[in-house]
Amino acid sequence: MSTLPNCPKCNSEYTYEVGTLLTCPLCAHEWSNSENHALEKTRVWKDAHGNILQDGDTVTVIKDLKVKGASSVLKGGTKVRNIRLIDGDHDIDCKIEGFGSMELKSEFVKKA
């Protein structure tokens, strides 16, 4: 019998696993256990050429990208400084001159 932690919200001992999450049947709270947190923190972001990206890197856009809500495109070759890596579909958060704050996909950039 495995020993799962009690629910952090209601302290119920009747928790169970659903995929990678732990779930409480009494209050319906879902959370990741500490082992899953360690795996999530080791995520590696890579650019279009397979180079590992880190927070604060400078990257270059490799192709023209349409920007929602803007009348112009983000040109290939545009340098983006001081990126911040985030989880999600668009995994780079940055500020670009002329466009402002936006999110990019790592598959459309290369490390400068």
N, C-alpha and C. Protein backbone atom coordinates (compact mmCIF):
# COMPACT_ATOMS: atom_id res chain seq x y z
N MET A 1 0.84 -1.18 0.00
CA MET A 1 0.00 0.00 0.00
C MET A 1 0.89 1.24 0.00
N SER A 2 0.66 2.14 -0.93
CA SER A 2 1.47 3.36 -1.00
C SER A 2 0.93 4.39 -0.01
N THR A 3 1.83 5.22 0.47
CA THR A 3 1.42 6.26 1.42
C THR A 3 1.43 7.59 0.70
N LEU A 4 0.27 8.09 0.43
CA LEU A 4 0.12 9.39 -0.22
C LEU A 4 -0.08 10.46 0.85
N PRO A 5 0.37 11.68 0.60
CA PRO A 5 0.21 12.74 1.60
C PRO A 5 -1.25 13.14 1.75
N ASN A 6 -1.56 13.69 2.91
CA ASN A 6 -2.90 14.21 3.16
C ASN A 6 -3.15 15.44 2.29
N CYS A 7 -4.40 15.75 2.07
CA CYS A 7 -4.78 16.91 1.28
C CYS A 7 -4.29 18.19 1.98
N PRO A 8 -3.59 19.08 1.26
CA PRO A 8 -3.12 20.30 1.91
C PRO A 8 -4.24 21.29 2.21
N LYS A 9 -5.40 21.11 1.58
CA LYS A 9 -6.51 22.05 1.79
C LYS A 9 -7.40 21.65 2.96
N CYS A 10 -7.82 20.38 3.00
CA CYS A 10 -8.74 19.95 4.06
C CYS A 10 -8.15 18.88 4.98
N ASN A 11 -6.91 18.46 4.72
CA ASN A 11 -6.19 17.48 5.52
C ASN A 11 -6.82 16.08 5.49
N SER A 12 -7.56 15.77 4.44
CA SER A 12 -8.17 14.45 4.30
C SER A 12 -7.08 13.42 3.99
N GLU A 13 -7.24 12.23 4.54
CA GLU A 13 -6.28 11.16 4.29
C GLU A 13 -6.66 10.31 3.08
N TYR A 14 -7.79 10.57 2.46
CA TYR A 14 -8.29 9.75 1.36
C TYR A 14 -7.89 10.31 -0.01
N THR A 15 -6.64 10.62 -0.19
CA THR A 15 -6.17 11.14 -1.47
C THR A 15 -5.85 10.01 -2.43
N TYR A 16 -5.91 10.31 -3.72
CA TYR A 16 -5.57 9.32 -4.74
C TYR A 16 -4.91 10.01 -5.92
N GLU A 17 -4.23 9.22 -6.76
CA GLU A 17 -3.50 9.75 -7.91
C GLU A 17 -4.37 9.70 -9.16
N VAL A 18 -4.30 10.79 -9.93
CA VAL A 18 -4.93 10.85 -11.25
C VAL A 18 -3.85 11.36 -12.19
N GLY A 19 -3.24 10.47 -12.93
CA GLY A 19 -2.12 10.86 -13.79
C GLY A 19 -0.95 11.31 -12.94
N THR A 20 -0.53 12.56 -13.14
CA THR A 20 0.59 13.10 -12.36
C THR A 20 0.13 13.95 -11.19
N LEU A 21 -1.18 14.06 -11.00
CA LEU A 21 -1.73 14.89 -9.92
C LEU A 21 -2.26 14.02 -8.79
N LEU A 22 -2.29 14.59 -7.60
CA LEU A 22 -2.97 13.98 -6.47
C LEU A 22 -4.30 14.70 -6.30
N THR A 23 -5.35 13.94 -5.95
CA THR A 23 -6.69 14.50 -5.85
C THR A 23 -7.31 14.11 -4.53
N CYS A 24 -8.07 15.05 -3.98
CA CYS A 24 -8.82 14.80 -2.74
C CYS A 24 -10.29 14.59 -3.11
N PRO A 25 -10.90 13.46 -2.73
CA PRO A 25 -12.30 13.21 -3.09
C PRO A 25 -13.29 14.04 -2.26
N LEU A 26 -12.85 14.56 -1.11
CA LEU A 26 -13.76 15.31 -0.26
C LEU A 26 -13.92 16.77 -0.70
N CYS A 27 -12.81 17.44 -1.04
CA CYS A 27 -12.90 18.85 -1.42
C CYS A 27 -12.56 19.10 -2.88
N ALA A 28 -12.20 18.05 -3.63
CA ALA A 28 -11.87 18.10 -5.06
C ALA A 28 -10.63 18.92 -5.36
N HIS A 29 -9.76 19.10 -4.37
CA HIS A 29 -8.51 19.84 -4.58
C HIS A 29 -7.52 18.94 -5.31
N GLU A 30 -6.81 19.51 -6.32
CA GLU A 30 -5.79 18.76 -7.04
C GLU A 30 -4.46 19.46 -6.89
N TRP A 31 -3.37 18.70 -6.74
CA TRP A 31 -2.04 19.27 -6.60
C TRP A 31 -1.01 18.26 -7.04
N SER A 32 0.20 18.74 -7.28
CA SER A 32 1.32 17.87 -7.65
C SER A 32 2.06 17.49 -6.38
N ASN A 33 2.56 16.27 -6.35
CA ASN A 33 3.37 15.91 -5.19
C ASN A 33 4.78 16.45 -5.37
N SER A 34 5.59 16.40 -4.34
CA SER A 34 6.92 17.02 -4.37
C SER A 34 7.84 16.38 -5.42
N GLU A 35 7.66 15.10 -5.71
CA GLU A 35 8.48 14.46 -6.74
C GLU A 35 8.18 15.07 -8.10
N ASN A 36 6.93 15.34 -8.39
CA ASN A 36 6.56 15.94 -9.67
C ASN A 36 7.09 17.36 -9.78
N HIS A 37 7.13 18.11 -8.66
CA HIS A 37 7.68 19.47 -8.69
C HIS A 37 9.15 19.44 -9.09
N ALA A 38 9.90 18.48 -8.60
CA ALA A 38 11.32 18.38 -8.96
C ALA A 38 11.48 18.10 -10.44
N LEU A 39 10.61 17.28 -11.02
CA LEU A 39 10.69 16.99 -12.45
C LEU A 39 10.29 18.20 -13.29
N GLU A 40 9.28 18.96 -12.83
CA GLU A 40 8.84 20.13 -13.57
C GLU A 40 9.90 21.22 -13.60
N LYS A 41 10.67 21.36 -12.54
CA LYS A 41 11.68 22.40 -12.47
C LYS A 41 12.89 22.10 -13.34
N THR A 42 13.02 20.87 -13.80
CA THR A 42 14.17 20.51 -14.62
C THR A 42 13.87 20.61 -16.11
N ARG A 43 12.80 21.29 -16.48
CA ARG A 43 12.46 21.45 -17.89
C ARG A 43 13.56 22.23 -18.60
N VAL A 44 13.85 21.82 -19.82
CA VAL A 44 14.89 22.46 -20.61
C VAL A 44 14.24 23.07 -21.86
N TRP A 45 14.48 24.35 -22.09
CA TRP A 45 13.98 25.04 -23.26
C TRP A 45 15.08 25.08 -24.30
N LYS A 46 14.73 24.77 -25.56
CA LYS A 46 15.71 24.77 -26.64
C LYS A 46 15.22 25.64 -27.78
N ASP A 47 16.18 26.25 -28.50
CA ASP A 47 15.83 27.08 -29.65
C ASP A 47 15.64 26.19 -30.89
N ALA A 48 15.47 26.82 -32.05
CA ALA A 48 15.21 26.09 -33.29
C ALA A 48 16.36 25.18 -33.69
N HIS A 49 17.57 25.46 -33.23
CA HIS A 49 18.74 24.67 -33.58
C HIS A 49 19.17 23.70 -32.47
N GLY A 50 18.39 23.62 -31.39
CA GLY A 50 18.69 22.69 -30.31
C GLY A 50 19.59 23.24 -29.22
N ASN A 51 19.93 24.54 -29.27
CA ASN A 51 20.73 25.14 -28.20
C ASN A 51 19.86 25.40 -26.98
N ILE A 52 20.41 25.17 -25.81
CA ILE A 52 19.67 25.35 -24.57
C ILE A 52 19.54 26.83 -24.26
N LEU A 53 18.30 27.27 -23.96
CA LEU A 53 18.04 28.66 -23.61
C LEU A 53 17.95 28.82 -22.10
N GLN A 54 18.34 30.01 -21.63
CA GLN A 54 18.25 30.35 -20.21
C GLN A 54 17.68 31.75 -20.07
N ASP A 55 17.16 32.06 -18.88
CA ASP A 55 16.68 33.41 -18.61
C ASP A 55 17.81 34.41 -18.83
N GLY A 56 17.48 35.55 -19.47
CA GLY A 56 18.47 36.59 -19.69
C GLY A 56 19.23 36.47 -20.99
N ASP A 57 19.04 35.38 -21.74
CA ASP A 57 19.73 35.21 -23.02
C ASP A 57 19.24 36.22 -24.06
N THR A 58 20.04 36.39 -25.10
CA THR A 58 19.65 37.17 -26.26
C THR A 58 19.41 36.20 -27.40
N VAL A 59 18.26 36.36 -28.08
CA VAL A 59 17.91 35.47 -29.18
C VAL A 59 17.60 36.30 -30.42
N THR A 60 17.60 35.64 -31.57
CA THR A 60 17.27 36.28 -32.84
C THR A 60 16.09 35.54 -33.45
N VAL A 61 15.10 36.29 -33.93
CA VAL A 61 13.94 35.70 -34.60
C VAL A 61 14.40 35.17 -35.95
N ILE A 62 14.02 33.93 -36.32
CA ILE A 62 14.55 33.31 -37.54
C ILE A 62 13.64 33.47 -38.75
N LYS A 63 12.40 33.91 -38.57
CA LYS A 63 11.51 34.11 -39.71
C LYS A 63 10.51 35.21 -39.40
N ASP A 64 9.91 35.78 -40.42
CA ASP A 64 8.89 36.81 -40.21
C ASP A 64 7.70 36.20 -39.49
N LEU A 65 7.23 36.89 -38.44
CA LEU A 65 6.11 36.40 -37.65
C LEU A 65 4.98 37.42 -37.66
N LYS A 66 3.77 36.96 -37.91
CA LYS A 66 2.60 37.83 -37.82
C LYS A 66 2.31 38.07 -36.35
N VAL A 67 1.98 39.31 -36.00
CA VAL A 67 1.68 39.66 -34.62
C VAL A 67 0.22 40.05 -34.53
N LYS A 68 -0.54 39.36 -33.70
CA LYS A 68 -1.96 39.67 -33.54
C LYS A 68 -2.12 41.09 -33.03
N GLY A 69 -3.01 41.85 -33.64
CA GLY A 69 -3.30 43.20 -33.20
C GLY A 69 -2.33 44.24 -33.72
N ALA A 70 -1.34 43.83 -34.48
CA ALA A 70 -0.38 44.78 -35.04
C ALA A 70 -0.54 44.81 -36.56
N SER A 71 -0.27 45.98 -37.14
CA SER A 71 -0.42 46.10 -38.59
C SER A 71 0.81 45.62 -39.33
N SER A 72 1.91 45.43 -38.62
CA SER A 72 3.14 44.98 -39.28
C SER A 72 3.57 43.63 -38.73
N VAL A 73 4.57 43.03 -39.37
CA VAL A 73 5.09 41.74 -38.93
C VAL A 73 6.39 41.94 -38.17
N LEU A 74 6.73 40.96 -37.36
CA LEU A 74 8.02 40.95 -36.66
C LEU A 74 9.01 40.31 -37.62
N LYS A 75 9.97 41.08 -38.08
CA LYS A 75 10.89 40.63 -39.13
C LYS A 75 11.89 39.61 -38.61
N GLY A 76 12.24 38.66 -39.47
CA GLY A 76 13.30 37.73 -39.17
C GLY A 76 14.61 38.48 -39.01
N GLY A 77 15.43 38.09 -38.06
CA GLY A 77 16.68 38.78 -37.80
C GLY A 77 16.58 39.78 -36.66
N THR A 78 15.38 40.00 -36.13
CA THR A 78 15.19 40.92 -35.01
C THR A 78 15.81 40.32 -33.76
N LYS A 79 16.68 41.09 -33.08
CA LYS A 79 17.30 40.61 -31.84
C LYS A 79 16.39 40.93 -30.66
N VAL A 80 16.28 39.97 -29.78
CA VAL A 80 15.47 40.11 -28.58
C VAL A 80 16.39 39.87 -27.40
N ARG A 81 16.53 40.87 -26.54
CA ARG A 81 17.45 40.78 -25.41
C ARG A 81 16.70 40.47 -24.11
N ASN A 82 17.41 39.84 -23.22
CA ASN A 82 16.92 39.60 -21.86
C ASN A 82 15.58 38.86 -21.83
N ILE A 83 15.55 37.65 -22.40
CA ILE A 83 14.32 36.87 -22.43
C ILE A 83 14.04 36.26 -21.06
N ARG A 84 12.79 35.90 -20.85
CA ARG A 84 12.38 35.20 -19.63
C ARG A 84 11.62 33.96 -20.07
N LEU A 85 12.01 32.80 -19.59
CA LEU A 85 11.38 31.53 -19.98
C LEU A 85 10.19 31.24 -19.08
N ILE A 86 9.09 30.84 -19.70
CA ILE A 86 7.85 30.54 -18.97
C ILE A 86 7.28 29.23 -19.49
N ASP A 87 6.37 28.64 -18.73
CA ASP A 87 5.67 27.44 -19.17
C ASP A 87 4.48 27.85 -20.02
N GLY A 88 4.15 27.03 -20.98
CA GLY A 88 3.01 27.31 -21.83
C GLY A 88 3.33 27.09 -23.28
N ASP A 89 2.35 27.38 -24.14
CA ASP A 89 2.53 27.22 -25.57
C ASP A 89 3.58 28.18 -26.11
N HIS A 90 3.48 29.44 -25.74
CA HIS A 90 4.50 30.44 -26.06
C HIS A 90 5.41 30.50 -24.84
N ASP A 91 6.64 30.02 -24.97
CA ASP A 91 7.47 29.82 -23.79
C ASP A 91 8.55 30.86 -23.57
N ILE A 92 8.55 31.96 -24.33
CA ILE A 92 9.49 33.06 -24.10
C ILE A 92 8.71 34.33 -23.89
N ASP A 93 8.95 35.00 -22.78
CA ASP A 93 8.34 36.29 -22.48
C ASP A 93 9.42 37.35 -22.68
N CYS A 94 9.12 38.41 -23.44
CA CYS A 94 10.15 39.40 -23.76
C CYS A 94 9.53 40.74 -24.12
N LYS A 95 10.39 41.73 -24.26
CA LYS A 95 9.99 43.05 -24.76
C LYS A 95 10.77 43.31 -26.03
N ILE A 96 10.05 43.73 -27.08
CA ILE A 96 10.67 43.99 -28.37
C ILE A 96 10.41 45.44 -28.73
N GLU A 97 11.48 46.15 -29.13
CA GLU A 97 11.33 47.54 -29.52
C GLU A 97 10.35 47.65 -30.68
N GLY A 98 9.43 48.58 -30.58
CA GLY A 98 8.44 48.79 -31.63
C GLY A 98 7.20 47.94 -31.47
N PHE A 99 7.25 46.88 -30.65
CA PHE A 99 6.10 46.01 -30.45
C PHE A 99 5.68 45.96 -28.99
N GLY A 100 6.62 46.14 -28.07
CA GLY A 100 6.30 46.06 -26.65
C GLY A 100 6.45 44.66 -26.10
N SER A 101 5.73 44.39 -25.04
CA SER A 101 5.81 43.10 -24.36
C SER A 101 5.05 42.05 -25.15
N MET A 102 5.66 40.89 -25.34
CA MET A 102 5.00 39.81 -26.06
C MET A 102 5.61 38.47 -25.70
N GLU A 103 4.96 37.41 -26.13
CA GLU A 103 5.45 36.06 -25.92
C GLU A 103 5.77 35.43 -27.27
N LEU A 104 6.85 34.66 -27.31
CA LEU A 104 7.29 33.98 -28.53
C LEU A 104 7.41 32.49 -28.28
N LYS A 105 7.36 31.72 -29.34
CA LYS A 105 7.64 30.29 -29.24
C LYS A 105 9.13 30.08 -29.48
N SER A 106 9.73 29.20 -28.70
CA SER A 106 11.17 28.97 -28.82
C SER A 106 11.55 28.34 -30.16
N GLU A 107 10.62 27.75 -30.86
CA GLU A 107 10.93 27.14 -32.14
C GLU A 107 11.17 28.17 -33.25
N PHE A 108 10.86 29.44 -33.00
CA PHE A 108 11.05 30.49 -34.00
C PHE A 108 12.21 31.41 -33.68
N VAL A 109 13.09 31.02 -32.75
CA VAL A 109 14.23 31.85 -32.40
C VAL A 109 15.50 31.00 -32.39
N LYS A 110 16.64 31.68 -32.50
CA LYS A 110 17.92 31.01 -32.31
C LYS A 110 18.72 31.83 -31.33
N LYS A 111 19.55 31.16 -30.56
CA LYS A 111 20.37 31.82 -29.55
C LYS A 111 21.42 32.66 -30.25
N ALA A 112 21.56 33.92 -29.80
CA ALA A 112 22.53 34.84 -30.45
C ALA A 112 23.90 34.67 -29.86
